[in-house]
Amino acid sequence: MSQRIALDKVSATQAAIALLDEIVADHGPVLFHQSGGCCDGSSPMCYPRGDFIVGDRDVLLGTIGETPVYISQSQFEVWKHTDLILDVVPGRGGMFSLDNGRERRFLTRSAICAVPGN
């Protein structure tokens, strides 16, 4: 099964780009996976690109610069009419996310898209 692609479904604020640049400078290439999970709520999780295995059921939402942003297929089905905006707020990042310990964390905001035929 090949991976689904839904490009142009994600963007980022300048604050998110600045934090991402800082993390990439420290860790090299990274990727985001939009969590839908238990431990870290629905935080965008930032991982070193070689440490996270993207599954066949993950959907590529787009990229922030050269950084890919993924979401699980089941969560994408719920959010497919929503554009996700990566932002930064004060606080601690997800337990396994590279923004943890920086006193700033990534946050996903959303904007509802027009649904064709409605």
N, C-alpha and C. Protein backbone atom coordinates (compact mmCIF):
# COMPACT_ATOMS: atom_id res chain seq x y z
N MET A 1 0.84 -1.18 0.00
CA MET A 1 0.00 0.00 0.00
C MET A 1 0.89 1.24 0.00
N SER A 2 0.59 2.19 -0.86
CA SER A 2 1.42 3.39 -0.90
C SER A 2 0.83 4.46 0.01
N GLN A 3 1.68 5.35 0.41
CA GLN A 3 1.31 6.40 1.32
C GLN A 3 0.47 7.46 0.61
N ARG A 4 -0.56 7.96 1.29
CA ARG A 4 -1.39 9.03 0.73
C ARG A 4 -0.70 10.37 0.91
N ILE A 5 -0.98 11.28 0.00
CA ILE A 5 -0.41 12.62 0.05
C ILE A 5 -1.54 13.63 -0.07
N ALA A 6 -1.58 14.57 0.85
CA ALA A 6 -2.57 15.64 0.83
C ALA A 6 -1.82 16.97 0.97
N LEU A 7 -1.03 17.31 -0.04
CA LEU A 7 -0.16 18.47 0.05
C LEU A 7 -0.94 19.77 0.25
N ASP A 8 -0.25 20.74 0.82
CA ASP A 8 -0.81 22.06 1.06
C ASP A 8 -1.91 22.06 2.11
N LYS A 9 -1.87 21.13 3.05
CA LYS A 9 -2.83 21.10 4.15
C LYS A 9 -2.20 21.59 5.44
N VAL A 10 -0.96 22.10 5.38
CA VAL A 10 -0.28 22.54 6.58
C VAL A 10 0.56 23.79 6.26
N SER A 11 0.58 24.70 7.24
CA SER A 11 1.43 25.88 7.14
C SER A 11 2.01 26.14 8.53
N ALA A 12 2.81 27.19 8.65
CA ALA A 12 3.44 27.47 9.94
C ALA A 12 3.57 28.97 10.14
N THR A 13 3.49 29.37 11.40
CA THR A 13 3.73 30.76 11.77
C THR A 13 5.23 31.02 11.77
N GLN A 14 5.61 32.28 11.80
CA GLN A 14 7.03 32.63 11.87
C GLN A 14 7.66 32.08 13.14
N ALA A 15 6.91 32.09 14.26
CA ALA A 15 7.44 31.55 15.52
C ALA A 15 7.72 30.06 15.39
N ALA A 16 6.85 29.33 14.71
CA ALA A 16 7.07 27.90 14.52
C ALA A 16 8.28 27.65 13.62
N ILE A 17 8.42 28.44 12.59
CA ILE A 17 9.57 28.29 11.70
C ILE A 17 10.87 28.57 12.45
N ALA A 18 10.87 29.59 13.31
CA ALA A 18 12.07 29.92 14.09
C ALA A 18 12.44 28.78 15.03
N LEU A 19 11.45 28.21 15.73
CA LEU A 19 11.74 27.08 16.63
C LEU A 19 12.18 25.86 15.83
N LEU A 20 11.56 25.62 14.70
CA LEU A 20 11.96 24.50 13.85
C LEU A 20 13.40 24.67 13.39
N ASP A 21 13.77 25.87 12.98
CA ASP A 21 15.15 26.13 12.56
C ASP A 21 16.14 25.86 13.69
N GLU A 22 15.78 26.23 14.90
CA GLU A 22 16.63 26.00 16.07
C GLU A 22 16.81 24.49 16.31
N ILE A 23 15.73 23.75 16.20
CA ILE A 23 15.78 22.30 16.42
C ILE A 23 16.59 21.61 15.33
N VAL A 24 16.39 22.01 14.08
CA VAL A 24 17.15 21.43 12.97
C VAL A 24 18.64 21.73 13.13
N ALA A 25 18.98 22.93 13.60
CA ALA A 25 20.39 23.26 13.83
C ALA A 25 21.01 22.35 14.89
N ASP A 26 20.21 21.95 15.88
CA ASP A 26 20.71 21.07 16.96
C ASP A 26 20.69 19.59 16.59
N HIS A 27 19.71 19.16 15.77
CA HIS A 27 19.48 17.73 15.57
C HIS A 27 19.56 17.26 14.12
N GLY A 28 19.70 18.16 13.18
CA GLY A 28 19.66 17.76 11.78
C GLY A 28 18.23 17.64 11.29
N PRO A 29 18.02 17.03 10.12
CA PRO A 29 16.67 16.94 9.53
C PRO A 29 15.68 16.25 10.47
N VAL A 30 14.47 16.81 10.51
CA VAL A 30 13.41 16.29 11.37
C VAL A 30 12.14 16.11 10.56
N LEU A 31 11.15 15.54 11.19
CA LEU A 31 9.81 15.46 10.62
C LEU A 31 8.81 15.68 11.73
N PHE A 32 7.59 16.04 11.36
CA PHE A 32 6.49 16.15 12.31
C PHE A 32 5.50 15.03 12.05
N HIS A 33 4.92 14.53 13.13
CA HIS A 33 3.78 13.64 13.04
C HIS A 33 2.73 14.20 13.97
N GLN A 34 1.57 14.51 13.40
CA GLN A 34 0.49 15.07 14.20
C GLN A 34 -0.07 13.98 15.10
N SER A 35 0.17 14.12 16.39
CA SER A 35 -0.28 13.12 17.35
C SER A 35 -1.79 13.17 17.47
N GLY A 36 -2.37 12.03 17.65
CA GLY A 36 -3.79 11.95 17.94
C GLY A 36 -3.94 11.16 19.21
N GLY A 37 -2.87 11.17 19.99
CA GLY A 37 -2.71 10.15 20.98
C GLY A 37 -3.01 10.47 22.40
N CYS A 38 -2.75 9.46 23.16
CA CYS A 38 -3.08 9.44 24.57
C CYS A 38 -2.12 10.27 25.41
N CYS A 39 -0.86 10.10 25.22
CA CYS A 39 0.14 10.69 26.12
C CYS A 39 0.31 12.18 25.92
N ASP A 40 0.34 12.63 24.70
CA ASP A 40 0.63 14.03 24.43
C ASP A 40 -0.54 14.73 23.75
N GLY A 41 -1.74 14.23 23.97
CA GLY A 41 -2.91 14.88 23.39
C GLY A 41 -2.84 14.91 21.89
N SER A 42 -3.05 16.07 21.32
CA SER A 42 -2.99 16.18 19.87
C SER A 42 -1.88 17.12 19.45
N SER A 43 -0.75 17.01 20.11
CA SER A 43 0.40 17.86 19.80
C SER A 43 1.09 17.40 18.54
N PRO A 44 1.64 18.36 17.77
CA PRO A 44 2.50 17.95 16.67
C PRO A 44 3.84 17.50 17.27
N MET A 45 4.22 16.29 17.00
CA MET A 45 5.44 15.72 17.57
C MET A 45 6.57 15.87 16.56
N CYS A 46 7.72 16.34 17.03
CA CYS A 46 8.89 16.59 16.18
C CYS A 46 9.96 15.56 16.51
N TYR A 47 10.38 14.80 15.50
CA TYR A 47 11.35 13.72 15.69
C TYR A 47 12.52 13.86 14.72
N PRO A 48 13.71 13.37 15.10
CA PRO A 48 14.77 13.27 14.10
C PRO A 48 14.26 12.39 12.95
N ARG A 49 14.53 12.78 11.74
CA ARG A 49 13.94 12.09 10.59
C ARG A 49 14.27 10.60 10.57
N GLY A 50 15.44 10.21 11.02
CA GLY A 50 15.81 8.80 11.01
C GLY A 50 15.27 7.99 12.18
N ASP A 51 14.64 8.65 13.16
CA ASP A 51 14.16 7.96 14.36
C ASP A 51 12.68 7.61 14.32
N PHE A 52 11.95 8.07 13.32
CA PHE A 52 10.51 7.81 13.25
C PHE A 52 10.22 7.09 11.95
N ILE A 53 9.56 5.96 12.05
CA ILE A 53 9.20 5.19 10.85
C ILE A 53 7.81 5.61 10.42
N VAL A 54 7.73 6.22 9.24
CA VAL A 54 6.46 6.62 8.68
C VAL A 54 5.78 5.38 8.13
N GLY A 55 4.54 5.16 8.55
CA GLY A 55 3.82 3.96 8.14
C GLY A 55 3.07 4.14 6.83
N ASP A 56 2.65 3.02 6.27
CA ASP A 56 1.86 3.01 5.04
C ASP A 56 0.53 3.72 5.21
N ARG A 57 0.05 3.82 6.44
CA ARG A 57 -1.24 4.45 6.69
C ARG A 57 -1.11 5.89 7.16
N ASP A 58 0.09 6.44 7.09
CA ASP A 58 0.28 7.85 7.42
C ASP A 58 0.09 8.68 6.16
N VAL A 59 -0.44 9.90 6.33
CA VAL A 59 -0.70 10.81 5.22
C VAL A 59 0.27 11.98 5.31
N LEU A 60 0.93 12.29 4.22
CA LEU A 60 1.79 13.45 4.16
C LEU A 60 0.91 14.68 3.92
N LEU A 61 0.85 15.58 4.91
CA LEU A 61 0.02 16.78 4.80
C LEU A 61 0.69 17.86 3.97
N GLY A 62 2.01 17.85 3.96
CA GLY A 62 2.77 18.87 3.26
C GLY A 62 4.12 19.02 3.93
N THR A 63 4.77 20.14 3.66
CA THR A 63 6.07 20.40 4.26
C THR A 63 6.11 21.82 4.80
N ILE A 64 6.94 21.99 5.81
CA ILE A 64 7.30 23.31 6.32
C ILE A 64 8.77 23.47 5.93
N GLY A 65 9.04 24.26 4.92
CA GLY A 65 10.38 24.30 4.34
C GLY A 65 10.68 22.92 3.78
N GLU A 66 11.70 22.27 4.32
CA GLU A 66 12.04 20.91 3.88
C GLU A 66 11.60 19.85 4.88
N THR A 67 10.80 20.25 5.86
CA THR A 67 10.38 19.34 6.92
C THR A 67 8.99 18.77 6.62
N PRO A 68 8.88 17.46 6.40
CA PRO A 68 7.58 16.85 6.13
C PRO A 68 6.71 16.80 7.38
N VAL A 69 5.40 16.90 7.16
CA VAL A 69 4.42 16.83 8.25
C VAL A 69 3.42 15.72 7.90
N TYR A 70 3.31 14.73 8.79
CA TYR A 70 2.45 13.57 8.59
C TYR A 70 1.33 13.51 9.62
N ILE A 71 0.31 12.75 9.29
CA ILE A 71 -0.81 12.48 10.19
C ILE A 71 -1.31 11.07 9.89
N SER A 72 -1.86 10.39 10.88
CA SER A 72 -2.39 9.05 10.62
C SER A 72 -3.59 9.15 9.69
N GLN A 73 -3.81 8.11 8.90
CA GLN A 73 -4.92 8.11 7.94
C GLN A 73 -6.26 8.26 8.66
N SER A 74 -6.44 7.60 9.78
CA SER A 74 -7.72 7.69 10.49
C SER A 74 -7.96 9.11 11.00
N GLN A 75 -6.92 9.76 11.49
CA GLN A 75 -7.08 11.13 11.96
C GLN A 75 -7.26 12.08 10.77
N PHE A 76 -6.59 11.80 9.67
CA PHE A 76 -6.76 12.63 8.47
C PHE A 76 -8.22 12.60 8.00
N GLU A 77 -8.85 11.45 8.07
CA GLU A 77 -10.25 11.35 7.64
C GLU A 77 -11.15 12.30 8.44
N VAL A 78 -10.83 12.50 9.69
CA VAL A 78 -11.61 13.41 10.53
C VAL A 78 -11.27 14.86 10.21
N TRP A 79 -10.01 15.15 9.90
CA TRP A 79 -9.54 16.52 9.72
C TRP A 79 -9.33 16.91 8.26
N LYS A 80 -9.78 16.12 7.31
CA LYS A 80 -9.43 16.36 5.91
C LYS A 80 -9.98 17.67 5.35
N HIS A 81 -10.97 18.27 5.98
CA HIS A 81 -11.49 19.55 5.53
C HIS A 81 -10.92 20.70 6.35
N THR A 82 -9.81 20.44 7.01
CA THR A 82 -9.18 21.42 7.88
C THR A 82 -7.74 21.64 7.44
N ASP A 83 -7.34 22.90 7.38
CA ASP A 83 -5.94 23.22 7.16
C ASP A 83 -5.29 23.37 8.53
N LEU A 84 -4.16 22.74 8.73
CA LEU A 84 -3.47 22.79 10.01
C LEU A 84 -2.38 23.86 9.96
N ILE A 85 -2.28 24.62 11.04
CA ILE A 85 -1.30 25.69 11.15
C ILE A 85 -0.41 25.38 12.35
N LEU A 86 0.86 25.17 12.09
CA LEU A 86 1.82 24.89 13.15
C LEU A 86 2.20 26.22 13.80
N ASP A 87 2.05 26.30 15.13
CA ASP A 87 2.36 27.51 15.88
C ASP A 87 3.20 27.13 17.09
N VAL A 88 3.58 28.12 17.87
CA VAL A 88 4.37 27.91 19.08
C VAL A 88 3.72 28.68 20.22
N VAL A 89 3.68 28.04 21.39
CA VAL A 89 3.18 28.67 22.61
C VAL A 89 4.15 28.36 23.75
N PRO A 90 4.11 29.10 24.83
CA PRO A 90 4.95 28.78 25.98
C PRO A 90 4.57 27.42 26.57
N GLY A 91 5.54 26.72 27.09
CA GLY A 91 5.27 25.44 27.74
C GLY A 91 6.24 24.36 27.31
N ARG A 92 5.98 23.15 27.79
CA ARG A 92 6.83 22.00 27.49
C ARG A 92 6.23 21.20 26.34
N GLY A 93 7.10 20.73 25.47
CA GLY A 93 6.66 19.90 24.35
C GLY A 93 6.32 18.49 24.80
N GLY A 94 5.86 17.69 23.85
CA GLY A 94 5.53 16.30 24.13
C GLY A 94 6.74 15.54 24.64
N MET A 95 6.50 14.52 25.42
CA MET A 95 7.56 13.77 26.10
C MET A 95 8.68 13.35 25.15
N PHE A 96 8.35 12.89 23.95
CA PHE A 96 9.36 12.38 23.03
C PHE A 96 9.67 13.37 21.90
N SER A 97 9.04 14.53 21.91
CA SER A 97 9.21 15.51 20.86
C SER A 97 10.43 16.39 21.13
N LEU A 98 11.12 16.78 20.07
CA LEU A 98 12.36 17.55 20.21
C LEU A 98 12.14 18.97 20.73
N ASP A 99 10.90 19.45 20.80
CA ASP A 99 10.66 20.77 21.39
C ASP A 99 10.60 20.70 22.91
N ASN A 100 10.56 19.52 23.49
CA ASN A 100 10.51 19.35 24.94
C ASN A 100 11.78 19.94 25.57
N GLY A 101 11.60 20.67 26.66
CA GLY A 101 12.74 21.25 27.38
C GLY A 101 13.19 22.60 26.88
N ARG A 102 12.51 23.16 25.90
CA ARG A 102 12.89 24.46 25.35
C ARG A 102 11.99 25.59 25.87
N GLU A 103 11.06 25.25 26.74
CA GLU A 103 10.10 26.19 27.32
C GLU A 103 9.20 26.85 26.28
N ARG A 104 9.20 26.28 25.08
CA ARG A 104 8.26 26.62 24.01
C ARG A 104 7.86 25.29 23.38
N ARG A 105 6.64 25.21 22.93
CA ARG A 105 6.21 23.96 22.33
C ARG A 105 5.39 24.25 21.08
N PHE A 106 5.41 23.28 20.19
CA PHE A 106 4.58 23.38 18.99
C PHE A 106 3.13 23.11 19.37
N LEU A 107 2.24 23.78 18.66
CA LEU A 107 0.80 23.63 18.84
C LEU A 107 0.16 23.65 17.47
N THR A 108 -0.84 22.83 17.26
CA THR A 108 -1.55 22.83 15.99
C THR A 108 -2.82 23.65 16.13
N ARG A 109 -2.96 24.62 15.27
CA ARG A 109 -4.20 25.39 15.16
C ARG A 109 -4.87 24.93 13.87
N SER A 110 -6.12 25.27 13.69
CA SER A 110 -6.79 24.80 12.48
C SER A 110 -7.65 25.90 11.87
N ALA A 111 -7.86 25.73 10.59
CA ALA A 111 -8.76 26.60 9.82
C ALA A 111 -9.63 25.70 8.95
N ILE A 112 -10.92 25.81 9.08
CA ILE A 112 -11.84 24.98 8.30
C ILE A 112 -11.79 25.42 6.84
N CYS A 113 -11.71 24.45 5.95
CA CYS A 113 -11.66 24.70 4.51
C CYS A 113 -13.07 24.64 3.94
N ALA A 114 -13.24 25.26 2.81
CA ALA A 114 -14.51 25.14 2.09
C ALA A 114 -14.63 23.71 1.57
N VAL A 115 -15.81 23.14 1.75
CA VAL A 115 -16.06 21.78 1.28
C VAL A 115 -16.80 21.87 -0.05
N PRO A 116 -16.21 21.32 -1.13
CA PRO A 116 -16.85 21.37 -2.43
C PRO A 116 -18.27 20.80 -2.40
N GLY A 117 -19.20 21.50 -3.06
CA GLY A 117 -20.57 21.01 -3.15
C GLY A 117 -21.43 21.37 -1.96
N ASN A 118 -20.91 22.09 -0.99
CA ASN A 118 -21.72 22.51 0.17
C ASN A 118 -21.98 23.98 0.14
